[in-house]
N, C-alpha and C. Protein backbone atom coordinates (compact mmCIF):
# COMPACT_ATOMS: atom_id res chain seq x y z
N MET A 1 102.53 112.51 92.15
CA MET A 1 101.70 111.71 91.27
C MET A 1 100.29 111.65 91.87
N LYS A 2 99.29 111.96 91.07
CA LYS A 2 97.91 111.86 91.50
C LYS A 2 97.34 110.54 91.03
N TYR A 3 96.66 109.84 91.91
CA TYR A 3 96.09 108.55 91.56
C TYR A 3 94.67 108.69 91.02
N ARG A 4 94.03 109.83 91.30
CA ARG A 4 92.64 110.06 90.93
C ARG A 4 91.71 109.02 91.55
N ILE A 5 92.16 108.45 92.62
CA ILE A 5 91.33 107.54 93.40
C ILE A 5 91.16 108.20 94.76
N ARG A 6 89.95 108.24 95.23
CA ARG A 6 89.66 108.87 96.51
C ARG A 6 89.65 107.82 97.62
N VAL A 7 89.94 108.30 98.82
CA VAL A 7 89.96 107.43 100.00
C VAL A 7 88.66 106.63 100.11
N ARG A 8 87.54 107.27 99.88
CA ARG A 8 86.23 106.61 100.03
C ARG A 8 86.08 105.37 99.15
N GLU A 9 86.83 105.32 98.05
CA GLU A 9 86.70 104.21 97.12
C GLU A 9 87.35 102.92 97.63
N ILE A 10 88.29 103.03 98.54
CA ILE A 10 89.01 101.83 98.99
C ILE A 10 89.00 101.63 100.50
N MET A 11 88.45 102.58 101.24
CA MET A 11 88.50 102.48 102.71
C MET A 11 87.63 101.33 103.20
N THR A 12 87.96 100.87 104.40
CA THR A 12 87.12 99.92 105.11
C THR A 12 85.98 100.71 105.71
N ARG A 13 84.78 100.31 105.39
CA ARG A 13 83.61 101.11 105.79
C ARG A 13 83.07 100.78 107.18
N LYS A 14 83.47 99.67 107.73
CA LYS A 14 82.98 99.28 109.05
C LYS A 14 84.16 99.03 109.99
N PRO A 15 84.82 100.12 110.42
CA PRO A 15 85.96 99.92 111.32
C PRO A 15 85.49 99.40 112.67
N ILE A 16 86.43 98.80 113.39
CA ILE A 16 86.15 98.23 114.70
C ILE A 16 86.52 99.28 115.76
N PHE A 17 85.62 99.46 116.73
CA PHE A 17 85.79 100.45 117.78
C PHE A 17 85.80 99.80 119.16
N VAL A 18 86.47 100.47 120.07
CA VAL A 18 86.36 100.15 121.49
C VAL A 18 86.27 101.47 122.24
N SER A 19 85.87 101.40 123.50
CA SER A 19 85.82 102.59 124.34
C SER A 19 87.17 102.76 125.03
N PRO A 20 87.46 103.94 125.54
CA PRO A 20 88.73 104.16 126.24
C PRO A 20 88.91 103.28 127.47
N ASP A 21 87.80 102.81 128.05
CA ASP A 21 87.88 102.00 129.26
C ASP A 21 87.96 100.51 129.00
N THR A 22 88.03 100.11 127.73
CA THR A 22 88.19 98.71 127.38
C THR A 22 89.58 98.25 127.81
N SER A 23 89.68 97.03 128.32
CA SER A 23 91.00 96.51 128.71
C SER A 23 91.83 96.24 127.46
N ILE A 24 93.14 96.34 127.60
CA ILE A 24 93.99 96.08 126.43
C ILE A 24 93.94 94.60 126.03
N GLY A 25 93.66 93.74 127.00
CA GLY A 25 93.51 92.32 126.70
C GLY A 25 92.31 92.08 125.79
N LYS A 26 91.19 92.71 126.11
CA LYS A 26 89.99 92.57 125.29
C LYS A 26 90.22 93.17 123.90
N ALA A 27 90.87 94.32 123.85
CA ALA A 27 91.16 94.95 122.56
C ALA A 27 92.07 94.05 121.72
N ALA A 28 93.08 93.47 122.33
CA ALA A 28 94.01 92.58 121.61
C ALA A 28 93.29 91.34 121.10
N ARG A 29 92.40 90.77 121.91
CA ARG A 29 91.64 89.59 121.47
C ARG A 29 90.73 89.94 120.29
N LEU A 30 90.12 91.11 120.34
CA LEU A 30 89.25 91.56 119.25
C LEU A 30 90.06 91.77 117.97
N MET A 31 91.24 92.37 118.10
CA MET A 31 92.11 92.57 116.95
C MET A 31 92.53 91.23 116.35
N ALA A 32 92.87 90.28 117.20
CA ALA A 32 93.28 88.95 116.73
C ALA A 32 92.11 88.24 116.04
N LYS A 33 90.94 88.31 116.64
CA LYS A 33 89.76 87.65 116.08
C LYS A 33 89.41 88.22 114.70
N ARG A 34 89.51 89.54 114.56
CA ARG A 34 89.16 90.20 113.30
C ARG A 34 90.33 90.27 112.31
N LYS A 35 91.51 89.82 112.77
CA LYS A 35 92.73 89.84 111.95
C LYS A 35 93.05 91.25 111.46
N ILE A 36 93.08 92.17 112.43
CA ILE A 36 93.41 93.57 112.14
C ILE A 36 94.56 94.00 113.04
N GLY A 37 95.29 94.99 112.60
CA GLY A 37 96.47 95.44 113.34
C GLY A 37 96.24 96.65 114.22
N SER A 38 95.03 97.18 114.20
CA SER A 38 94.74 98.33 115.05
C SER A 38 93.24 98.44 115.26
N ILE A 39 92.89 99.27 116.23
CA ILE A 39 91.48 99.44 116.57
C ILE A 39 91.27 100.89 116.98
N LEU A 40 90.16 101.46 116.54
CA LEU A 40 89.87 102.86 116.85
C LEU A 40 89.24 102.97 118.23
N VAL A 41 89.49 104.09 118.90
CA VAL A 41 88.95 104.32 120.24
C VAL A 41 88.00 105.50 120.16
N LEU A 42 86.73 105.23 120.48
CA LEU A 42 85.69 106.27 120.48
C LEU A 42 85.16 106.47 121.89
N ASP A 43 84.94 107.73 122.22
CA ASP A 43 84.33 108.08 123.50
C ASP A 43 83.07 108.88 123.19
N LYS A 44 81.92 108.32 123.46
CA LYS A 44 80.63 108.95 123.16
C LYS A 44 80.54 109.35 121.69
N GLY A 45 81.01 108.47 120.82
CA GLY A 45 80.93 108.70 119.39
C GLY A 45 82.02 109.57 118.79
N VAL A 46 82.93 110.04 119.63
CA VAL A 46 84.00 110.92 119.17
C VAL A 46 85.32 110.15 119.16
N LEU A 47 86.06 110.26 118.05
CA LEU A 47 87.36 109.60 117.95
C LEU A 47 88.34 110.26 118.92
N VAL A 48 88.90 109.46 119.83
CA VAL A 48 89.86 109.99 120.80
C VAL A 48 91.23 109.34 120.67
N GLY A 49 91.31 108.24 119.90
CA GLY A 49 92.61 107.59 119.77
C GLY A 49 92.55 106.37 118.87
N ILE A 50 93.72 105.75 118.76
CA ILE A 50 93.88 104.52 118.00
C ILE A 50 94.88 103.65 118.78
N VAL A 51 94.63 102.36 118.80
CA VAL A 51 95.55 101.43 119.44
C VAL A 51 96.03 100.46 118.38
N THR A 52 97.34 100.33 118.26
CA THR A 52 97.91 99.40 117.29
C THR A 52 98.59 98.25 118.03
N GLU A 53 98.93 97.22 117.26
CA GLU A 53 99.70 96.12 117.84
C GLU A 53 100.98 96.65 118.47
N GLY A 54 101.59 97.62 117.81
CA GLY A 54 102.83 98.22 118.33
C GLY A 54 102.62 98.91 119.66
N ASP A 55 101.49 99.61 119.80
CA ASP A 55 101.18 100.26 121.08
C ASP A 55 101.06 99.23 122.20
N ILE A 56 100.36 98.14 121.91
CA ILE A 56 100.20 97.09 122.93
C ILE A 56 101.55 96.48 123.29
N LEU A 57 102.37 96.24 122.29
CA LEU A 57 103.68 95.65 122.54
C LEU A 57 104.60 96.61 123.29
N LYS A 58 104.74 97.83 122.79
CA LYS A 58 105.71 98.78 123.36
C LYS A 58 105.26 99.45 124.65
N ARG A 59 103.97 99.73 124.74
CA ARG A 59 103.49 100.49 125.88
C ARG A 59 102.87 99.64 126.98
N ALA A 60 102.65 98.36 126.68
CA ALA A 60 102.02 97.51 127.70
C ALA A 60 102.81 96.22 127.94
N PHE A 61 102.95 95.40 126.94
CA PHE A 61 103.59 94.10 127.10
C PHE A 61 105.01 94.22 127.62
N ILE A 62 105.83 95.04 126.99
CA ILE A 62 107.23 95.19 127.41
C ILE A 62 107.33 95.79 128.81
N LYS A 63 106.33 96.58 129.20
CA LYS A 63 106.35 97.21 130.53
C LYS A 63 105.58 96.39 131.56
N ASN A 64 105.25 95.13 131.19
CA ASN A 64 104.57 94.20 132.10
C ASN A 64 103.26 94.74 132.66
N LYS A 65 102.51 95.48 131.86
CA LYS A 65 101.21 95.97 132.31
C LYS A 65 100.18 94.84 132.22
N SER A 66 99.28 94.82 133.14
CA SER A 66 98.25 93.78 133.19
C SER A 66 97.27 93.94 132.02
N PRO A 67 97.07 92.89 131.23
CA PRO A 67 96.13 92.98 130.11
C PRO A 67 94.67 93.13 130.57
N THR A 68 94.37 92.73 131.78
CA THR A 68 92.99 92.85 132.26
C THR A 68 92.75 94.15 133.02
N LYS A 69 93.78 94.71 133.62
CA LYS A 69 93.61 95.93 134.42
C LYS A 69 93.97 97.20 133.66
N THR A 70 94.83 97.09 132.66
CA THR A 70 95.26 98.27 131.90
C THR A 70 94.20 98.62 130.87
N LYS A 71 93.82 99.88 130.84
CA LYS A 71 92.80 100.35 129.91
C LYS A 71 93.44 100.87 128.62
N VAL A 72 92.68 100.78 127.56
CA VAL A 72 93.13 101.25 126.25
C VAL A 72 93.58 102.71 126.32
N LYS A 73 92.87 103.53 127.08
CA LYS A 73 93.19 104.96 127.17
C LYS A 73 94.60 105.20 127.72
N GLU A 74 95.17 104.23 128.42
CA GLU A 74 96.51 104.39 128.98
C GLU A 74 97.62 104.19 127.95
N ILE A 75 97.32 103.49 126.87
CA ILE A 75 98.39 103.19 125.90
C ILE A 75 98.09 103.68 124.48
N MET A 76 96.88 104.18 124.25
CA MET A 76 96.49 104.56 122.89
C MET A 76 97.28 105.78 122.39
N THR A 77 97.34 105.89 121.09
CA THR A 77 97.86 107.10 120.46
C THR A 77 96.70 108.08 120.42
N ARG A 78 96.88 109.20 121.11
CA ARG A 78 95.81 110.19 121.19
C ARG A 78 95.83 111.10 119.96
N LYS A 79 94.66 111.57 119.59
CA LYS A 79 94.50 112.49 118.47
C LYS A 79 95.23 112.00 117.22
N PRO A 80 94.85 110.84 116.72
CA PRO A 80 95.54 110.33 115.54
C PRO A 80 95.30 111.22 114.32
N ILE A 81 96.25 111.21 113.41
CA ILE A 81 96.07 111.93 112.16
C ILE A 81 94.97 111.22 111.39
N THR A 82 94.05 111.98 110.86
CA THR A 82 92.93 111.42 110.11
C THR A 82 92.99 111.89 108.67
N VAL A 83 92.23 111.20 107.82
CA VAL A 83 92.07 111.62 106.44
C VAL A 83 90.58 111.75 106.16
N ASN A 84 90.27 112.48 105.09
CA ASN A 84 88.90 112.70 104.67
C ASN A 84 88.55 111.73 103.55
N PRO A 85 87.31 111.28 103.45
CA PRO A 85 86.96 110.34 102.40
C PRO A 85 87.17 110.89 100.99
N ASN A 86 87.23 112.21 100.85
CA ASN A 86 87.44 112.81 99.53
C ASN A 86 88.90 113.07 99.21
N ASP A 87 89.80 112.76 100.12
CA ASP A 87 91.23 112.96 99.87
C ASP A 87 91.70 112.04 98.75
N ASP A 88 92.61 112.56 97.94
CA ASP A 88 93.25 111.76 96.89
C ASP A 88 94.27 110.84 97.54
N LEU A 89 94.39 109.63 97.04
CA LEU A 89 95.33 108.67 97.62
C LEU A 89 96.77 109.16 97.55
N SER A 90 97.09 110.02 96.59
CA SER A 90 98.46 110.54 96.53
C SER A 90 98.78 111.36 97.78
N LYS A 91 97.80 112.12 98.27
CA LYS A 91 97.99 112.89 99.50
C LYS A 91 98.23 111.95 100.68
N VAL A 92 97.41 110.90 100.75
CA VAL A 92 97.54 109.94 101.84
C VAL A 92 98.89 109.24 101.78
N ALA A 93 99.33 108.85 100.59
CA ALA A 93 100.63 108.20 100.43
C ALA A 93 101.76 109.11 100.89
N GLN A 94 101.64 110.40 100.60
CA GLN A 94 102.66 111.36 101.04
C GLN A 94 102.70 111.45 102.56
N ILE A 95 101.54 111.50 103.18
CA ILE A 95 101.48 111.56 104.65
C ILE A 95 102.08 110.30 105.24
N MET A 96 101.73 109.13 104.67
CA MET A 96 102.28 107.86 105.15
C MET A 96 103.80 107.90 105.11
N ASN A 97 104.32 108.35 104.00
CA ASN A 97 105.77 108.37 103.81
C ASN A 97 106.44 109.39 104.73
N LYS A 98 105.89 110.57 104.79
CA LYS A 98 106.49 111.65 105.57
C LYS A 98 106.42 111.41 107.08
N LYS A 99 105.28 110.92 107.55
CA LYS A 99 105.05 110.77 108.99
C LYS A 99 105.28 109.34 109.51
N GLY A 100 105.47 108.38 108.59
CA GLY A 100 105.67 107.00 109.02
C GLY A 100 104.42 106.37 109.59
N ILE A 101 103.27 106.77 109.07
CA ILE A 101 101.98 106.27 109.56
C ILE A 101 101.47 105.22 108.57
N ARG A 102 100.89 104.16 109.11
CA ARG A 102 100.39 103.09 108.23
C ARG A 102 98.89 102.91 108.30
N LYS A 103 98.23 103.61 109.23
CA LYS A 103 96.79 103.43 109.42
C LYS A 103 96.14 104.76 109.74
N PHE A 104 94.99 105.00 109.10
CA PHE A 104 94.28 106.26 109.30
C PHE A 104 92.79 106.05 109.55
N PRO A 105 92.26 106.70 110.57
CA PRO A 105 90.81 106.81 110.65
C PRO A 105 90.37 107.76 109.53
N VAL A 106 89.22 107.46 108.92
CA VAL A 106 88.65 108.33 107.89
C VAL A 106 87.50 109.07 108.55
N VAL A 107 87.59 110.40 108.56
CA VAL A 107 86.63 111.23 109.28
C VAL A 107 86.01 112.24 108.32
N ASP A 108 84.69 112.35 108.40
CA ASP A 108 83.95 113.31 107.58
C ASP A 108 83.03 114.10 108.50
N ASN A 109 83.22 115.42 108.53
CA ASN A 109 82.42 116.30 109.40
C ASN A 109 82.42 115.83 110.85
N GLY A 110 83.59 115.42 111.33
CA GLY A 110 83.73 115.03 112.73
C GLY A 110 83.28 113.61 113.05
N LYS A 111 82.77 112.89 112.06
CA LYS A 111 82.28 111.53 112.30
C LYS A 111 83.19 110.52 111.61
N VAL A 112 83.53 109.45 112.34
CA VAL A 112 84.33 108.38 111.76
C VAL A 112 83.45 107.62 110.77
N VAL A 113 83.91 107.57 109.51
CA VAL A 113 83.13 106.90 108.47
C VAL A 113 83.86 105.70 107.89
N GLY A 114 85.10 105.50 108.32
CA GLY A 114 85.86 104.38 107.78
C GLY A 114 87.27 104.35 108.34
N TYR A 115 88.06 103.52 107.69
CA TYR A 115 89.43 103.27 108.12
C TYR A 115 90.25 102.95 106.88
N LEU A 116 91.47 103.46 106.82
CA LEU A 116 92.33 103.21 105.67
C LEU A 116 93.71 102.77 106.17
N SER A 117 94.20 101.69 105.61
CA SER A 117 95.52 101.19 105.98
C SER A 117 96.43 101.17 104.77
N GLU A 118 97.69 101.02 105.03
CA GLU A 118 98.69 100.89 103.99
C GLU A 118 98.33 99.69 103.09
N LYS A 119 97.83 98.66 103.68
CA LYS A 119 97.44 97.46 102.93
C LYS A 119 96.33 97.78 101.93
N ASP A 120 95.36 98.62 102.33
CA ASP A 120 94.29 99.03 101.42
C ASP A 120 94.86 99.77 100.22
N LEU A 121 95.81 100.64 100.50
CA LEU A 121 96.44 101.43 99.44
C LEU A 121 97.20 100.53 98.47
N LEU A 122 97.88 99.54 98.99
CA LEU A 122 98.65 98.63 98.14
C LEU A 122 97.76 97.79 97.23
N LYS A 123 96.53 97.54 97.66
CA LYS A 123 95.61 96.75 96.84
C LYS A 123 95.30 97.45 95.52
N VAL A 124 95.23 98.76 95.54
CA VAL A 124 94.87 99.49 94.32
C VAL A 124 96.06 100.10 93.60
N GLU A 125 97.16 100.25 94.29
CA GLU A 125 98.32 100.87 93.67
C GLU A 125 99.58 100.10 94.00
N PRO A 126 99.79 98.96 93.33
CA PRO A 126 100.98 98.16 93.61
C PRO A 126 102.29 98.90 93.38
N GLY A 127 102.26 99.92 92.53
CA GLY A 127 103.47 100.69 92.27
C GLY A 127 104.02 101.39 93.50
N ILE A 128 103.16 101.61 94.48
CA ILE A 128 103.63 102.27 95.70
C ILE A 128 104.55 101.37 96.50
N ILE A 129 104.56 100.08 96.18
CA ILE A 129 105.46 99.15 96.85
C ILE A 129 106.90 99.64 96.72
N ASP A 130 107.26 100.18 95.56
CA ASP A 130 108.61 100.69 95.36
C ASP A 130 108.94 101.79 96.37
N VAL A 131 107.97 102.68 96.60
CA VAL A 131 108.16 103.77 97.56
C VAL A 131 108.35 103.20 98.96
N LEU A 132 107.53 102.22 99.32
CA LEU A 132 107.63 101.63 100.66
C LEU A 132 108.94 100.88 100.85
N ILE A 133 109.42 100.21 99.82
CA ILE A 133 110.70 99.51 99.91
C ILE A 133 111.83 100.51 100.13
N GLU A 134 111.80 101.63 99.42
CA GLU A 134 112.82 102.66 99.62
C GLU A 134 112.77 103.19 101.04
N LYS A 135 111.56 103.38 101.56
CA LYS A 135 111.41 103.86 102.93
C LYS A 135 112.02 102.86 103.90
N LEU A 136 111.78 101.58 103.69
CA LEU A 136 112.35 100.55 104.56
C LEU A 136 113.87 100.52 104.46
N LYS A 137 114.40 100.69 103.25
CA LYS A 137 115.85 100.69 103.08
C LYS A 137 116.49 101.83 103.86
N ILE A 138 115.82 102.97 103.90
CA ILE A 138 116.34 104.12 104.64
C ILE A 138 116.29 103.84 106.13
N ARG A 139 115.17 103.29 106.61
CA ARG A 139 115.01 103.00 108.04
C ARG A 139 115.87 101.84 108.50
N GLU A 140 115.96 100.81 107.65
CA GLU A 140 116.67 99.58 108.00
C GLU A 140 117.68 99.26 106.90
N PRO A 141 118.80 99.99 106.86
CA PRO A 141 119.75 99.78 105.76
C PRO A 141 120.35 98.38 105.70
N SER A 142 120.26 97.62 106.78
CA SER A 142 120.83 96.27 106.76
C SER A 142 119.93 95.26 106.04
N LEU A 143 118.66 95.64 105.80
CA LEU A 143 117.75 94.73 105.11
C LEU A 143 118.13 94.60 103.64
N LYS A 144 118.05 93.43 103.13
CA LYS A 144 118.31 93.17 101.71
C LYS A 144 116.97 92.90 101.05
N LEU A 145 116.29 93.96 100.62
CA LEU A 145 114.96 93.83 100.05
C LEU A 145 115.04 93.83 98.53
N THR A 146 114.31 92.94 97.92
CA THR A 146 114.22 92.90 96.48
C THR A 146 112.76 92.76 96.10
N TYR A 147 112.33 93.57 95.15
CA TYR A 147 110.97 93.52 94.68
C TYR A 147 111.00 93.26 93.19
N TYR A 148 110.24 92.28 92.78
CA TYR A 148 110.14 91.93 91.37
C TYR A 148 108.76 92.30 90.88
N PRO A 149 108.63 93.45 90.17
CA PRO A 149 107.31 93.88 89.71
C PRO A 149 106.70 92.90 88.73
N ARG A 150 105.37 92.82 88.78
CA ARG A 150 104.68 91.96 87.82
C ARG A 150 104.65 92.63 86.46
N GLY A 151 104.58 91.80 85.43
CA GLY A 151 104.41 92.37 84.10
C GLY A 151 105.61 92.26 83.34
């Protein structure tokens, strides 16, 4: 299904960045302050990674790493999958579903121009909720999920 909506139409245009040498504590505080679930990592203007709440939890907190001494570069997801601002949302939805990714840096000609999350996609295409619920049922068959569409 083609949505005929391009990434550029719904992306966040001012993503939050940190450097690879930023402490994970500082990155986590910034994410909490901005109420975001991930932060992009740029080194001299080049995208080198992404850090999510899950990365901080699984790669740092559970392993008792120091929030002040551990650097973002030690726990970030390197070379994240990116999307182009001209990509159709149907392509992005397919990648989300196939790869289990919920957040994408938006890159145009090597430059980060925005950020797109699953939440952004849901704002414009509530019908995709059905796809996401099916995905959750497959991953977590014990969940009893019910969705009541509007209308």
